[in-house]
Amino acid sequence: MNLRARKWRLAIIIALAVLAGYVAWRTQTPKEQPCVPGREEVKDASGKVVEIQTRTCFD
């Protein structure tokens, strides 16, 4: 086997491994949760409503 051909094959394999590692790293990031409009009531220890939080989503 020619030494030059062996170097090219090794370079191609290393480049593919680096590309596969990069793709795996970029696809493992968690997806952002979609916005869910609604109303949430915050209660204290006695069960009394202290605060009402509303969420409006703009797409």
Protein backbone atom coordinates (compact mmCIF):
# COMPACT_ATOMS: atom_id res chain seq x y z
CA MET A 1 0.00 0.00 0.00
CA ASN A 2 1.28 3.41 -0.90
CA LEU A 3 2.27 5.67 2.01
CA ARG A 4 0.55 8.69 0.46
CA ALA A 5 -2.75 6.79 0.05
CA ARG A 6 -2.56 5.58 3.66
CA LYS A 7 -2.14 9.17 4.92
CA TRP A 8 -5.12 10.35 2.88
CA ARG A 9 -7.32 7.54 4.22
CA LEU A 10 -6.25 8.28 7.77
CA ALA A 11 -6.96 12.00 7.28
CA ILE A 12 -10.44 11.25 5.89
CA ILE A 13 -11.27 8.91 8.78
CA ILE A 14 -10.13 11.48 11.35
CA ALA A 15 -12.13 14.23 9.63
CA LEU A 16 -15.26 12.05 9.66
CA ALA A 17 -14.75 11.25 13.35
CA VAL A 18 -14.41 14.94 14.20
CA LEU A 19 -17.55 15.74 12.17
CA ALA A 20 -19.51 12.95 13.90
CA GLY A 21 -18.39 14.21 17.31
CA TYR A 22 -19.45 17.76 16.48
CA VAL A 23 -22.88 16.64 15.26
CA ALA A 24 -23.40 14.52 18.38
CA TRP A 25 -22.39 17.44 20.60
CA ARG A 26 -24.74 19.88 18.87
CA THR A 27 -27.77 17.56 18.88
CA GLN A 28 -27.61 16.72 22.60
CA THR A 29 -28.55 20.26 23.71
CA PRO A 30 -31.99 20.33 25.30
CA LYS A 31 -34.85 21.78 23.31
CA GLU A 32 -36.54 24.92 24.55
CA GLN A 33 -39.93 24.25 26.09
CA PRO A 34 -42.85 25.72 24.15
CA CYS A 35 -44.71 28.59 25.76
CA VAL A 36 -47.99 27.53 27.37
CA PRO A 37 -50.39 30.38 28.04
CA GLY A 38 -52.33 30.22 31.27
CA ARG A 39 -52.91 31.36 34.80
CA GLU A 40 -51.17 30.21 37.96
CA GLU A 41 -52.19 30.99 41.52
CA VAL A 42 -49.52 31.19 44.23
CA LYS A 43 -50.85 30.27 47.69
CA ASP A 44 -49.35 30.67 51.13
CA ALA A 45 -49.24 28.02 53.88
CA SER A 46 -52.85 28.61 54.94
CA GLY A 47 -54.16 28.14 51.40
CA LYS A 48 -54.92 31.80 50.78
CA VAL A 49 -54.16 33.11 47.27
CA VAL A 50 -51.24 35.52 47.55
CA GLU A 51 -50.37 36.15 43.91
CA ILE A 52 -51.86 35.41 40.50
CA GLN A 53 -49.40 34.98 37.63
CA THR A 54 -50.62 35.10 34.03
CA ARG A 55 -48.57 34.08 31.03
CA THR A 56 -49.25 35.30 27.51
CA CYS A 57 -47.35 33.83 24.57
CA PHE A 58 -46.44 35.82 21.48
CA ASP A 59 -45.34 33.79 18.46
